[in-house]
PDB file of all heavy atoms in Angstrom:
ATOM      1  N   LEU A   1       0.806  -1.224   0.000  1.00  0.00           N
ATOM      2  CA  LEU A   1       0.000   0.000   0.000  1.00  0.00           C
ATOM      3  C   LEU A   1       0.841   1.276   0.000  1.00  0.00           C
ATOM      4  O   LEU A   1       0.351   2.346  -0.351  1.00  0.00           O
ATOM      5  CB  LEU A   1      -0.988  -0.006   1.175  1.00  0.00           C
ATOM      6  CG  LEU A   1      -0.465   0.051   2.622  1.00  0.00           C
ATOM      7  CD1 LEU A   1      -0.242   1.473   3.082  1.00  0.00           C
ATOM      8  CD2 LEU A   1      -1.467  -0.650   3.553  1.00  0.00           C
ATOM      9  N   SER A   2       2.118   1.162   0.385  1.00  0.00           N
ATOM     10  CA  SER A   2       2.961   2.366   0.455  1.00  0.00           C
ATOM     11  C   SER A   2       4.019   2.462  -0.633  1.00  0.00           C
ATOM     12  O   SER A   2       4.555   3.547  -0.880  1.00  0.00           O
ATOM     13  CB  SER A   2       3.655   2.456   1.825  1.00  0.00           C
ATOM     14  OG  SER A   2       4.492   1.333   2.056  1.00  0.00           O
ATOM     15  N   ARG A   3       4.330   1.370  -1.325  1.00  0.00           N
ATOM     16  CA  ARG A   3       5.380   1.409  -2.349  1.00  0.00           C
ATOM     17  C   ARG A   3       4.985   2.278  -3.538  1.00  0.00           C
ATOM     18  O   ARG A   3       5.826   2.626  -4.376  1.00  0.00           O
ATOM     19  CB  ARG A   3       5.723  -0.006  -2.826  1.00  0.00           C
ATOM     20  CG  ARG A   3       4.582  -0.673  -3.555  1.00  0.00           C
ATOM     21  CD  ARG A   3       4.881  -2.050  -4.096  1.00  0.00           C
ATOM     22  NE  ARG A   3       3.776  -2.491  -4.938  1.00  0.00           N
ATOM     23  CZ  ARG A   3       3.810  -3.548  -5.734  1.00  0.00           C
ATOM     24  NH1 ARG A   3       4.896  -4.304  -5.797  1.00  0.00           N
ATOM     25  NH2 ARG A   3       2.765  -3.864  -6.468  1.00  0.00           N
ATOM     26  N   GLN A   4       3.720   2.666  -3.626  1.00  0.00           N
ATOM     27  CA  GLN A   4       3.270   3.513  -4.721  1.00  0.00           C
ATOM     28  C   GLN A   4       4.021   4.845  -4.776  1.00  0.00           C
ATOM     29  O   GLN A   4       4.039   5.505  -5.816  1.00  0.00           O
ATOM     30  CB  GLN A   4       1.769   3.769  -4.608  1.00  0.00           C
ATOM     31  CG  GLN A   4       1.342   4.454  -3.321  1.00  0.00           C
ATOM     32  CD  GLN A   4      -0.163   4.646  -3.231  1.00  0.00           C
ATOM     33  OE1 GLN A   4      -0.757   5.319  -4.060  1.00  0.00           O
ATOM     34  NE2 GLN A   4      -0.789   4.032  -2.229  1.00  0.00           N
ATOM     35  N   VAL A   5       4.661   5.226  -3.677  1.00  0.00           N
ATOM     36  CA  VAL A   5       5.401   6.497  -3.690  1.00  0.00           C
ATOM     37  C   VAL A   5       6.507   6.479  -4.736  1.00  0.00           C
ATOM     38  O   VAL A   5       6.910   7.539  -5.230  1.00  0.00           O
ATOM     39  CB  VAL A   5       5.977   6.843  -2.295  1.00  0.00           C
ATOM     40  CG1 VAL A   5       4.856   7.015  -1.283  1.00  0.00           C
ATOM     41  CG2 VAL A   5       6.996   5.817  -1.826  1.00  0.00           C
ATOM     42  N   PHE A   6       7.009   5.291  -5.101  1.00  0.00           N
ATOM     43  CA  PHE A   6       8.023   5.230  -6.157  1.00  0.00           C
ATOM     44  C   PHE A   6       7.568   4.439  -7.377  1.00  0.00           C
ATOM     45  O   PHE A   6       8.183   4.532  -8.433  1.00  0.00           O
ATOM     46  CB  PHE A   6       9.371   4.687  -5.648  1.00  0.00           C
ATOM     47  CG  PHE A   6       9.308   3.364  -4.928  1.00  0.00           C
ATOM     48  CD1 PHE A   6       9.104   2.189  -5.603  1.00  0.00           C
ATOM     49  CD2 PHE A   6       9.495   3.305  -3.547  1.00  0.00           C
ATOM     50  CE1 PHE A   6       9.079   0.958  -4.936  1.00  0.00           C
ATOM     51  CE2 PHE A   6       9.469   2.097  -2.857  1.00  0.00           C
ATOM     52  CZ  PHE A   6       9.258   0.918  -3.558  1.00  0.00           C
ATOM     53  N   CYS A   7       6.490   3.663  -7.284  1.00  0.00           N
ATOM     54  CA  CYS A   7       6.074   2.890  -8.468  1.00  0.00           C
ATOM     55  C   CYS A   7       4.671   3.242  -8.938  1.00  0.00           C
ATOM     56  O   CYS A   7       4.076   2.492  -9.706  1.00  0.00           O
ATOM     57  CB  CYS A   7       6.231   1.391  -8.240  1.00  0.00           C
ATOM     58  SG  CYS A   7       5.213   0.686  -6.929  1.00  0.00           S
ATOM     59  N   GLY A   8       4.148   4.384  -8.504  1.00  0.00           N
ATOM     60  CA  GLY A   8       2.890   4.861  -9.059  1.00  0.00           C
ATOM     61  C   GLY A   8       3.100   5.406 -10.464  1.00  0.00           C
ATOM     62  O   GLY A   8       4.146   5.985 -10.765  1.00  0.00           O
ATOM     63  N   ALA A   9       2.095   5.239 -11.325  1.00  0.00           N
ATOM     64  CA  ALA A   9       2.201   5.712 -12.707  1.00  0.00           C
ATOM     65  C   ALA A   9       1.637   7.111 -12.878  1.00  0.00           C
ATOM     66  O   ALA A   9       1.823   7.721 -13.929  1.00  0.00           O
ATOM     67  CB  ALA A   9       1.481   4.758 -13.654  1.00  0.00           C
ATOM     68  N   GLY A  10       0.959   7.639 -11.857  1.00  0.00           N
ATOM     69  CA  GLY A  10       0.386   8.973 -11.950  1.00  0.00           C
ATOM     70  C   GLY A  10      -0.921   8.987 -12.711  1.00  0.00           C
ATOM     71  O   GLY A  10      -1.096   8.253 -13.687  1.00  0.00           O
ATOM     72  N   ARG A  11      -1.851   9.847 -12.252  1.00  0.00           N
ATOM     73  CA  ARG A  11      -3.169   9.886 -12.902  1.00  0.00           C
ATOM     74  C   ARG A  11      -3.830  11.244 -12.711  1.00  0.00           C
ATOM     75  O   ARG A  11      -3.798  11.816 -11.615  1.00  0.00           O
ATOM     76  CB  ARG A  11      -4.070   8.800 -12.322  1.00  0.00           C
ATOM     77  CG  ARG A  11      -5.462   8.767 -12.922  1.00  0.00           C
ATOM     78  CD  ARG A  11      -6.396   7.868 -12.163  1.00  0.00           C
ATOM     79  NE  ARG A  11      -7.762   8.059 -12.640  1.00  0.00           N
ATOM     80  CZ  ARG A  11      -8.842   7.668 -11.987  1.00  0.00           C
ATOM     81  NH1 ARG A  11      -8.720   7.045 -10.825  1.00  0.00           N
ATOM     82  NH2 ARG A  11     -10.045   7.897 -12.486  1.00  0.00           N
ATOM     83  N   VAL A  12      -4.458  11.750 -13.773  1.00  0.00           N
ATOM     84  CA  VAL A  12      -5.294  12.941 -13.680  1.00  0.00           C
ATOM     85  C   VAL A  12      -6.684  12.510 -13.240  1.00  0.00           C
ATOM     86  O   VAL A  12      -7.297  11.640 -13.864  1.00  0.00           O
ATOM     87  CB  VAL A  12      -5.379  13.674 -15.034  1.00  0.00           C
ATOM     88  CG1 VAL A  12      -6.391  14.816 -14.969  1.00  0.00           C
ATOM     89  CG2 VAL A  12      -4.011  14.203 -15.434  1.00  0.00           C
ATOM     90  N   GLY A  13      -7.168  13.092 -12.140  1.00  0.00           N
ATOM     91  CA  GLY A  13      -8.493  12.759 -11.644  1.00  0.00           C
ATOM     92  C   GLY A  13      -8.442  11.972 -10.352  1.00  0.00           C
ATOM     93  O   GLY A  13      -7.541  11.141 -10.145  1.00  0.00           O
ATOM     94  N   ILE A  14      -9.392  12.247  -9.475  1.00  0.00           N
ATOM     95  CA  ILE A  14      -9.500  11.562  -8.191  1.00  0.00           C
ATOM     96  C   ILE A  14     -10.828  10.798  -8.166  1.00  0.00           C
ATOM     97  O   ILE A  14     -11.870  11.352  -8.515  1.00  0.00           O
ATOM     98  CB  ILE A  14      -9.467  12.553  -7.008  1.00  0.00           C
ATOM     99  CG1 ILE A  14      -8.272  13.509  -7.130  1.00  0.00           C
ATOM    100  CG2 ILE A  14      -9.439  11.807  -5.680  1.00  0.00           C
ATOM    101  CD1 ILE A  14      -6.934  12.855  -7.042  1.00  0.00           C
ATOM    102  N   GLY A  15     -10.794   9.542  -7.761  1.00  0.00           N
ATOM    103  CA  GLY A  15     -11.989   8.711  -7.757  1.00  0.00           C
ATOM    104  C   GLY A  15     -12.019   7.814  -8.976  1.00  0.00           C
ATOM    105  O   GLY A  15     -11.367   8.083  -9.994  1.00  0.00           O
ATOM    106  N   GLN A  16     -12.792   6.727  -8.892  1.00  0.00           N
ATOM    107  CA  GLN A  16     -12.811   5.758  -9.982  1.00  0.00           C
ATOM    108  C   GLN A  16     -13.233   6.377 -11.310  1.00  0.00           C
ATOM    109  O   GLN A  16     -12.739   5.993 -12.370  1.00  0.00           O
ATOM    110  CB  GLN A  16     -13.713   4.580  -9.622  1.00  0.00           C
ATOM    111  CG  GLN A  16     -13.185   3.735  -8.472  1.00  0.00           C
ATOM    112  CD  GLN A  16     -13.991   2.472  -8.254  1.00  0.00           C
ATOM    113  OE1 GLN A  16     -14.950   2.185  -8.970  1.00  0.00           O
ATOM    114  NE2 GLN A  16     -13.607   1.694  -7.239  1.00  0.00           N
ATOM    115  N   PHE A  17     -14.159   7.328 -11.265  1.00  0.00           N
ATOM    116  CA  PHE A  17     -14.622   7.982 -12.484  1.00  0.00           C
ATOM    117  C   PHE A  17     -13.949   9.340 -12.697  1.00  0.00           C
ATOM    118  O   PHE A  17     -14.379  10.100 -13.568  1.00  0.00           O
ATOM    119  CB  PHE A  17     -16.142   8.152 -12.433  1.00  0.00           C
ATOM    120  CG  PHE A  17     -16.902   6.854 -12.544  1.00  0.00           C
ATOM    121  CD1 PHE A  17     -17.144   6.073 -11.430  1.00  0.00           C
ATOM    122  CD2 PHE A  17     -17.356   6.406 -13.773  1.00  0.00           C
ATOM    123  CE1 PHE A  17     -17.834   4.871 -11.533  1.00  0.00           C
ATOM    124  CE2 PHE A  17     -18.050   5.203 -13.888  1.00  0.00           C
ATOM    125  CZ  PHE A  17     -18.290   4.431 -12.768  1.00  0.00           C
ATOM    126  N   GLY A  18     -12.925   9.634 -11.896  1.00  0.00           N
ATOM    127  CA  GLY A  18     -12.291  10.939 -11.997  1.00  0.00           C
ATOM    128  C   GLY A  18     -13.231  12.063 -11.624  1.00  0.00           C
ATOM    129  O   GLY A  18     -13.145  13.171 -12.146  1.00  0.00           O
ATOM    130  N   GLU A  19     -14.128  11.774 -10.668  1.00  0.00           N
ATOM    131  CA  GLU A  19     -15.173  12.726 -10.328  1.00  0.00           C
ATOM    132  C   GLU A  19     -14.663  13.973  -9.618  1.00  0.00           C
ATOM    133  O   GLU A  19     -15.344  15.005  -9.590  1.00  0.00           O
ATOM    134  CB  GLU A  19     -16.256  12.055  -9.472  1.00  0.00           C
ATOM    135  CG  GLU A  19     -15.741  11.301  -8.258  1.00  0.00           C
ATOM    136  CD  GLU A  19     -15.498   9.820  -8.525  1.00  0.00           C
ATOM    137  OE1 GLU A  19     -15.122   9.478  -9.663  1.00  0.00           O
ATOM    138  OE2 GLU A  19     -15.676   9.029  -7.596  1.00  0.00           O
ATOM    139  N   ALA A  20     -13.471  13.914  -9.035  1.00  0.00           N
ATOM    140  CA  ALA A  20     -12.867  15.088  -8.407  1.00  0.00           C
ATOM    141  C   ALA A  20     -11.634  15.499  -9.205  1.00  0.00           C
ATOM    142  O   ALA A  20     -10.917  14.657  -9.757  1.00  0.00           O
ATOM    143  CB  ALA A  20     -12.494  14.798  -6.951  1.00  0.00           C
ATOM    144  N   ASP A  21     -11.398  16.795  -9.285  1.00  0.00           N
ATOM    145  CA  ASP A  21     -10.258  17.308 -10.038  1.00  0.00           C
ATOM    146  C   ASP A  21      -8.969  17.126  -9.236  1.00  0.00           C
ATOM    147  O   ASP A  21      -8.972  17.160  -8.007  1.00  0.00           O
ATOM    148  CB  ASP A  21     -10.449  18.797 -10.340  1.00  0.00           C
ATOM    149  CG  ASP A  21     -11.677  19.051 -11.211  1.00  0.00           C
ATOM    150  OD1 ASP A  21     -12.089  18.115 -11.917  1.00  0.00           O
ATOM    151  OD2 ASP A  21     -12.211  20.172 -11.152  1.00  0.00           O
ATOM    152  N   GLY A  22      -7.879  16.955  -9.951  1.00  0.00           N
ATOM    153  CA  GLY A  22      -6.589  16.851  -9.287  1.00  0.00           C
ATOM    154  C   GLY A  22      -5.704  15.804  -9.919  1.00  0.00           C
ATOM    155  O   GLY A  22      -6.043  15.198 -10.942  1.00  0.00           O
ATOM    156  N   PHE A  23      -4.559  15.604  -9.316  1.00  0.00           N
ATOM    157  CA  PHE A  23      -3.575  14.623  -9.781  1.00  0.00           C
ATOM    158  C   PHE A  23      -3.224  13.721  -8.612  1.00  0.00           C
ATOM    159  O   PHE A  23      -3.077  14.185  -7.479  1.00  0.00           O
ATOM    160  CB  PHE A  23      -2.318  15.331 -10.289  1.00  0.00           C
ATOM    161  CG  PHE A  23      -1.225  14.383 -10.744  1.00  0.00           C
ATOM    162  CD1 PHE A  23      -1.196  13.918 -12.050  1.00  0.00           C
ATOM    163  CD2 PHE A  23      -0.238  13.949  -9.864  1.00  0.00           C
ATOM    164  CE1 PHE A  23      -0.196  13.051 -12.477  1.00  0.00           C
ATOM    165  CE2 PHE A  23       0.765  13.081 -10.277  1.00  0.00           C
ATOM    166  CZ  PHE A  23       0.781  12.625 -11.590  1.00  0.00           C
ATOM    167  N   GLN A  24      -3.097  12.421  -8.867  1.00  0.00           N
ATOM    168  CA  GLN A  24      -2.700  11.497  -7.813  1.00  0.00           C
ATOM    169  C   GLN A  24      -1.567  10.599  -8.278  1.00  0.00           C
ATOM    170  O   GLN A  24      -1.282  10.478  -9.469  1.00  0.00           O
ATOM    171  CB  GLN A  24      -3.877  10.668  -7.329  1.00  0.00           C
ATOM    172  CG  GLN A  24      -4.537   9.780  -8.376  1.00  0.00           C
ATOM    173  CD  GLN A  24      -5.616   8.902  -7.770  1.00  0.00           C
ATOM    174  OE1 GLN A  24      -5.378   8.176  -6.792  1.00  0.00           O
ATOM    175  NE2 GLN A  24      -6.822   8.973  -8.325  1.00  0.00           N
ATOM    176  N   ILE A  25      -0.938   9.946  -7.314  1.00  0.00           N
ATOM    177  CA  ILE A  25       0.279   9.173  -7.556  1.00  0.00           C
ATOM    178  C   ILE A  25       0.011   7.883  -8.320  1.00  0.00           C
ATOM    179  O   ILE A  25       0.776   7.509  -9.212  1.00  0.00           O
ATOM    180  CB  ILE A  25       0.959   8.850  -6.207  1.00  0.00           C
ATOM    181  CG1 ILE A  25       1.520  10.134  -5.584  1.00  0.00           C
ATOM    182  CG2 ILE A  25       2.046   7.814  -6.370  1.00  0.00           C
ATOM    183  CD1 ILE A  25       2.013   9.939  -4.167  1.00  0.00           C
ATOM    184  N   SER A  26      -1.082   7.192  -7.986  1.00  0.00           N
ATOM    185  CA  SER A  26      -1.327   5.848  -8.512  1.00  0.00           C
ATOM    186  C   SER A  26      -2.586   5.793  -9.366  1.00  0.00           C
ATOM    187  O   SER A  26      -3.607   6.391  -9.033  1.00  0.00           O
ATOM    188  CB  SER A  26      -1.457   4.852  -7.355  1.00  0.00           C
ATOM    189  OG  SER A  26      -1.958   3.602  -7.810  1.00  0.00           O
ATOM    190  N   GLN A  27      -2.525   5.033 -10.463  1.00  0.00           N
ATOM    191  CA  GLN A  27      -3.715   4.810 -11.284  1.00  0.00           C
ATOM    192  C   GLN A  27      -4.631   3.757 -10.662  1.00  0.00           C
ATOM    193  O   GLN A  27      -5.842   3.782 -10.858  1.00  0.00           O
ATOM    194  CB  GLN A  27      -3.294   4.348 -12.680  1.00  0.00           C
ATOM    195  CG  GLN A  27      -2.512   5.390 -13.461  1.00  0.00           C
ATOM    196  CD  GLN A  27      -2.706   5.262 -14.952  1.00  0.00           C
ATOM    197  OE1 GLN A  27      -3.152   4.240 -15.460  1.00  0.00           O
ATOM    198  NE2 GLN A  27      -2.370   6.307 -15.671  1.00  0.00           N
ATOM    199  N   ARG A  28      -4.076   2.847  -9.928  1.00  0.00           N
ATOM    200  CA  ARG A  28      -4.826   1.696  -9.418  1.00  0.00           C
ATOM    201  C   ARG A  28      -5.471   1.963  -8.053  1.00  0.00           C
ATOM    202  O   ARG A  28      -6.419   1.277  -7.665  1.00  0.00           O
ATOM    203  CB  ARG A  28      -3.862   0.519  -9.297  1.00  0.00           C
ATOM    204  CG  ARG A  28      -4.493  -0.843  -9.135  1.00  0.00           C
ATOM    205  CD  ARG A  28      -5.214  -1.314 -10.366  1.00  0.00           C
ATOM    206  NE  ARG A  28      -5.413  -2.762 -10.320  1.00  0.00           N
ATOM    207  CZ  ARG A  28      -6.252  -3.436 -11.083  1.00  0.00           C
ATOM    208  NH1 ARG A  28      -6.980  -2.779 -11.970  1.00  0.00           N
ATOM    209  NH2 ARG A  28      -6.363  -4.731 -10.986  1.00  0.00           N
ATOM    210  N   ALA A  29      -4.985   2.961  -7.326  1.00  0.00           N
ATOM    211  CA  ALA A  29      -5.348   3.129  -5.916  1.00  0.00           C
ATOM    212  C   ALA A  29      -6.845   3.216  -5.669  1.00  0.00           C
ATOM    213  O   ALA A  29      -7.385   2.566  -4.769  1.00  0.00           O
ATOM    214  CB  ALA A  29      -4.645   4.367  -5.352  1.00  0.00           C
ATOM    215  N   ASP A  30      -7.557   4.029  -6.450  1.00  0.00           N
ATOM    216  CA  ASP A  30      -8.974   4.249  -6.187  1.00  0.00           C
ATOM    217  C   ASP A  30      -9.832   3.022  -6.454  1.00  0.00           C
ATOM    218  O   ASP A  30     -11.020   2.990  -6.102  1.00  0.00           O
ATOM    219  CB  ASP A  30      -9.491   5.427  -7.021  1.00  0.00           C
ATOM    220  CG  ASP A  30      -8.985   6.766  -6.508  1.00  0.00           C
ATOM    221  OD1 ASP A  30      -8.575   6.839  -5.340  1.00  0.00           O
ATOM    222  OD2 ASP A  30      -8.985   7.736  -7.288  1.00  0.00           O
ATOM    223  N   TYR A  31      -9.255   2.005  -7.063  1.00  0.00           N
ATOM    224  CA  TYR A  31      -9.995   0.779  -7.363  1.00  0.00           C
ATOM    225  C   TYR A  31      -9.739  -0.312  -6.328  1.00  0.00           C
ATOM    226  O   TYR A  31     -10.246  -1.430  -6.463  1.00  0.00           O
ATOM    227  CB  TYR A  31      -9.627   0.274  -8.761  1.00  0.00           C
ATOM    228  CG  TYR A  31      -9.998   1.265  -9.847  1.00  0.00           C
ATOM    229  CD1 TYR A  31      -9.118   2.277 -10.210  1.00  0.00           C
ATOM    230  CD2 TYR A  31     -11.231   1.209 -10.475  1.00  0.00           C
ATOM    231  CE1 TYR A  31      -9.454   3.204 -11.185  1.00  0.00           C
ATOM    232  CE2 TYR A  31     -11.582   2.126 -11.455  1.00  0.00           C
ATOM    233  CZ  TYR A  31     -10.685   3.120 -11.805  1.00  0.00           C
ATOM    234  OH  TYR A  31     -11.034   4.039 -12.772  1.00  0.00           O
ATOM    235  N   ILE A  32      -8.947  -0.016  -5.310  1.00  0.00           N
ATOM    236  CA  ILE A  32      -8.693  -0.963  -4.224  1.00  0.00           C
ATOM    237  C   ILE A  32      -9.762  -0.753  -3.153  1.00  0.00           C
ATOM    238  O   ILE A  32      -9.929   0.350  -2.643  1.00  0.00           O
ATOM    239  CB  ILE A  32      -7.286  -0.775  -3.639  1.00  0.00           C
ATOM    240  CG1 ILE A  32      -6.233  -1.014  -4.732  1.00  0.00           C
ATOM    241  CG2 ILE A  32      -7.072  -1.689  -2.442  1.00  0.00           C
ATOM    242  CD1 ILE A  32      -6.263  -2.407  -5.343  1.00  0.00           C
ATOM    243  N   GLU A  33     -10.490  -1.817  -2.810  1.00  0.00           N
ATOM    244  CA  GLU A  33     -11.664  -1.673  -1.954  1.00  0.00           C
ATOM    245  C   GLU A  33     -11.649  -2.529  -0.694  1.00  0.00           C
ATOM    246  O   GLU A  33     -12.432  -2.278   0.225  1.00  0.00           O
ATOM    247  CB  GLU A  33     -12.926  -1.987  -2.764  1.00  0.00           C
ATOM    248  CG  GLU A  33     -13.125  -1.046  -3.950  1.00  0.00           C
ATOM    249  CD  GLU A  33     -14.333  -1.400  -4.801  1.00  0.00           C
ATOM    250  OE1 GLU A  33     -14.400  -2.547  -5.274  1.00  0.00           O
ATOM    251  OE2 GLU A  33     -15.200  -0.535  -4.980  1.00  0.00           O
ATOM    252  N   VAL A  34     -10.794  -3.557  -0.639  1.00  0.00           N
ATOM    253  CA  VAL A  34     -10.750  -4.429   0.535  1.00  0.00           C
ATOM    254  C   VAL A  34      -9.298  -4.798   0.829  1.00  0.00           C
ATOM    255  O   VAL A  34      -8.418  -4.628  -0.015  1.00  0.00           O
ATOM    256  CB  VAL A  34     -11.588  -5.715   0.331  1.00  0.00           C
ATOM    257  CG1 VAL A  34     -13.074  -5.390   0.221  1.00  0.00           C
ATOM    258  CG2 VAL A  34     -11.121  -6.481  -0.904  1.00  0.00           C
ATOM    259  N   LEU A  35      -9.063  -5.306   2.031  1.00  0.00           N
ATOM    260  CA  LEU A  35      -7.716  -5.765   2.382  1.00  0.00           C
ATOM    261  C   LEU A  35      -7.371  -7.035   1.633  1.00  0.00           C
ATOM    262  O   LEU A  35      -6.277  -7.159   1.052  1.00  0.00           O
ATOM    263  CB  LEU A  35      -7.600  -6.000   3.892  1.00  0.00           C
ATOM    264  CG  LEU A  35      -6.284  -6.622   4.377  1.00  0.00           C
ATOM    265  CD1 LEU A  35      -5.094  -5.737   4.027  1.00  0.00           C
ATOM    266  CD2 LEU A  35      -6.341  -6.881   5.881  1.00  0.00           C
ATOM    267  N   THR A  36      -8.280  -8.014   1.624  1.00  0.00           N
ATOM    268  CA  THR A  36      -8.041  -9.280   0.939  1.00  0.00           C
ATOM    269  C   THR A  36      -9.250  -9.622   0.074  1.00  0.00           C
ATOM    270  O   THR A  36     -10.392  -9.346   0.444  1.00  0.00           O
ATOM    271  CB  THR A  36      -7.803 -10.443   1.922  1.00  0.00           C
ATOM    272  OG1 THR A  36      -8.948 -10.591   2.781  1.00  0.00           O
ATOM    273  CG2 THR A  36      -6.565 -10.203   2.760  1.00  0.00           C
ATOM    274  N   GLY A  37      -9.004 -10.240  -1.069  1.00  0.00           N
ATOM    275  CA  GLY A  37     -10.098 -10.633  -1.939  1.00  0.00           C
ATOM    276  C   GLY A  37      -9.610 -11.497  -3.080  1.00  0.00           C
ATOM    277  O   GLY A  37      -8.455 -11.401  -3.508  1.00  0.00           O
ATOM    278  N   LEU A  38     -10.514 -12.343  -3.583  1.00  0.00           N
ATOM    279  CA  LEU A  38     -10.184 -13.253  -4.674  1.00  0.00           C
ATOM    280  C   LEU A  38     -10.355 -12.599  -6.047  1.00  0.00           C
ATOM    281  O   LEU A  38      -9.634 -12.914  -6.990  1.00  0.00           O
ATOM    282  CB  LEU A  38     -11.076 -14.501  -4.592  1.00  0.00           C
ATOM    283  CG  LEU A  38     -10.923 -15.556  -5.695  1.00  0.00           C
ATOM    284  CD1 LEU A  38      -9.515 -16.138  -5.704  1.00  0.00           C
ATOM    285  CD2 LEU A  38     -11.963 -16.666  -5.516  1.00  0.00           C
ATOM    286  N   GLU A  39     -11.303 -11.685  -6.153  1.00  0.00           N
ATOM    287  CA  GLU A  39     -11.626 -11.094  -7.446  1.00  0.00           C
ATOM    288  C   GLU A  39     -10.523 -10.134  -7.922  1.00  0.00           C
ATOM    289  O   GLU A  39      -9.830  -9.526  -7.111  1.00  0.00           O
ATOM    290  CB  GLU A  39     -12.952 -10.333  -7.367  1.00  0.00           C
ATOM    291  CG  GLU A  39     -14.147 -11.203  -7.011  1.00  0.00           C
ATOM    292  CD  GLU A  39     -14.605 -12.076  -8.166  1.00  0.00           C
ATOM    293  OE1 GLU A  39     -14.102 -11.893  -9.292  1.00  0.00           O
ATOM    294  OE2 GLU A  39     -15.458 -12.953  -7.938  1.00  0.00           O
ATOM    295  N   THR A  40     -10.434 -10.008  -9.238  1.00  0.00           N
ATOM    296  CA  THR A  40      -9.477  -9.057  -9.826  1.00  0.00           C
ATOM    297  C   THR A  40     -10.174  -7.953 -10.598  1.00  0.00           C
ATOM    298  O   THR A  40      -9.521  -7.020 -11.059  1.00  0.00           O
ATOM    299  CB  THR A  40      -8.495  -9.779 -10.768  1.00  0.00           C
ATOM    300  OG1 THR A  40      -9.238 -10.403 -11.828  1.00  0.00           O
ATOM    301  CG2 THR A  40      -7.698 -10.831 -10.017  1.00  0.00           C
ATOM    302  N   THR A  41     -11.499  -8.055 -10.767  1.00  0.00           N
ATOM    303  CA  THR A  41     -12.229  -7.049 -11.532  1.00  0.00           C
ATOM    304  C   THR A  41     -13.263  -6.301 -10.688  1.00  0.00           C
ATOM    305  O   THR A  41     -13.878  -5.351 -11.167  1.00  0.00           O
ATOM    306  CB  THR A  41     -12.947  -7.693 -12.731  1.00  0.00           C
ATOM    307  OG1 THR A  41     -13.841  -8.713 -12.268  1.00  0.00           O
ATOM    308  CG2 THR A  41     -11.937  -8.303 -13.694  1.00  0.00           C
ATOM    309  N   LEU A  42     -13.488  -6.722  -9.453  1.00  0.00           N
ATOM    310  CA  LEU A  42     -14.368  -6.014  -8.524  1.00  0.00           C
ATOM    311  C   LEU A  42     -13.935  -6.362  -7.108  1.00  0.00           C
ATOM    312  O   LEU A  42     -13.281  -7.364  -6.874  1.00  0.00           O
ATOM    313  CB  LEU A  42     -15.846  -6.358  -8.758  1.00  0.00           C
ATOM    314  CG  LEU A  42     -16.228  -7.842  -8.806  1.00  0.00           C
ATOM    315  CD1 LEU A  42     -16.586  -8.381  -7.428  1.00  0.00           C
ATOM    316  CD2 LEU A  42     -17.410  -8.046  -9.748  1.00  0.00           C
ATOM    317  N   ARG A  43     -14.272  -5.479  -6.164  1.00  0.00           N
ATOM    318  CA  ARG A  43     -13.829  -5.657  -4.775  1.00  0.00           C
ATOM    319  C   ARG A  43     -12.357  -6.090  -4.730  1.00  0.00           C
ATOM    320  O   ARG A  43     -11.988  -7.058  -4.074  1.00  0.00           O
ATOM    321  CB  ARG A  43     -14.724  -6.654  -4.030  1.00  0.00           C
ATOM    322  CG  ARG A  43     -16.085  -6.088  -3.705  1.00  0.00           C
ATOM    323  CD  ARG A  43     -16.919  -7.046  -2.864  1.00  0.00           C
ATOM    324  NE  ARG A  43     -16.272  -7.387  -1.598  1.00  0.00           N
ATOM    325  CZ  ARG A  43     -16.254  -6.610  -0.526  1.00  0.00           C
ATOM    326  NH1 ARG A  43     -16.831  -5.414  -0.562  1.00  0.00           N
ATOM    327  NH2 ARG A  43     -15.669  -6.993   0.589  1.00  0.00           N
ATOM    328  N   ARG A  44     -11.547  -5.335  -5.423  1.00  0.00           N
ATOM    329  CA  ARG A  44     -10.129  -5.677  -5.528  1.00  0.00           C
ATOM    330  C   ARG A  44      -9.434  -5.484  -4.182  1.00  0.00           C
ATOM    331  O   ARG A  44      -9.682  -4.509  -3.481  1.00  0.00           O
ATOM    332  CB  ARG A  44      -9.460  -4.803  -6.592  1.00  0.00           C
ATOM    333  CG  ARG A  44     -10.040  -4.979  -7.998  1.00  0.00           C
ATOM    334  CD  ARG A  44      -9.377  -4.026  -8.977  1.00  0.00           C
ATOM    335  NE  ARG A  44      -9.899  -4.156 -10.330  1.00  0.00           N
ATOM    336  CZ  ARG A  44     -10.898  -3.444 -10.831  1.00  0.00           C
ATOM    337  NH1 ARG A  44     -11.495  -2.530 -10.065  1.00  0.00           N
ATOM    338  NH2 ARG A  44     -11.287  -3.612 -12.071  1.00  0.00           N
ATOM    339  N   GLY A  45      -8.535  -6.396  -3.850  1.00  0.00           N
ATOM    340  CA  GLY A  45      -7.867  -6.369  -2.564  1.00  0.00           C
ATOM    341  C   GLY A  45      -6.427  -5.909  -2.631  1.00  0.00           C
ATOM    342  O   GLY A  45      -5.765  -6.047  -3.669  1.00  0.00           O
TER     343      GLY A  45
END
Protein backbone atom coordinates (compact mmCIF):
# COMPACT_ATOMS: atom_id res chain seq x y z
CA LEU A 1 0.00 0.00 0.00
CA SER A 2 2.96 2.37 0.45
CA ARG A 3 5.38 1.41 -2.35
CA GLN A 4 3.27 3.51 -4.72
CA VAL A 5 5.40 6.50 -3.69
CA PHE A 6 8.02 5.23 -6.16
CA CYS A 7 6.07 2.89 -8.47
CA GLY A 8 2.89 4.86 -9.06
CA ALA A 9 2.20 5.71 -12.71
CA GLY A 10 0.39 8.97 -11.95
CA ARG A 11 -3.17 9.89 -12.90
CA VAL A 12 -5.29 12.94 -13.68
CA GLY A 13 -8.49 12.76 -11.64
CA ILE A 14 -9.50 11.56 -8.19
CA GLY A 15 -11.99 8.71 -7.76
CA GLN A 16 -12.81 5.76 -9.98
CA PHE A 17 -14.62 7.98 -12.48
CA GLY A 18 -12.29 10.94 -12.00
CA GLU A 19 -15.17 12.73 -10.33
CA ALA A 20 -12.87 15.09 -8.41
CA ASP A 21 -10.26 17.31 -10.04
CA GLY A 22 -6.59 16.85 -9.29
CA PHE A 23 -3.57 14.62 -9.78
CA GLN A 24 -2.70 11.50 -7.81
CA ILE A 25 0.28 9.17 -7.56
CA SER A 26 -1.33 5.85 -8.51
CA GLN A 27 -3.72 4.81 -11.28
CA ARG A 28 -4.83 1.70 -9.42
CA ALA A 29 -5.35 3.13 -5.92
CA ASP A 30 -8.97 4.25 -6.19
CA TYR A 31 -10.00 0.78 -7.36
CA ILE A 32 -8.69 -0.96 -4.22
CA GLU A 33 -11.66 -1.67 -1.95
CA VAL A 34 -10.75 -4.43 0.53
CA LEU A 35 -7.72 -5.76 2.38
CA THR A 36 -8.04 -9.28 0.94
CA GLY A 37 -10.10 -10.63 -1.94
CA LEU A 38 -10.18 -13.25 -4.67
CA GLU A 39 -11.63 -11.09 -7.45
CA THR A 40 -9.48 -9.06 -9.83
CA THR A 41 -12.23 -7.05 -11.53
CA LEU A 42 -14.37 -6.01 -8.52
CA ARG A 43 -13.83 -5.66 -4.77
CA ARG A 44 -10.13 -5.68 -5.53
CA GLY A 45 -7.87 -6.37 -2.56
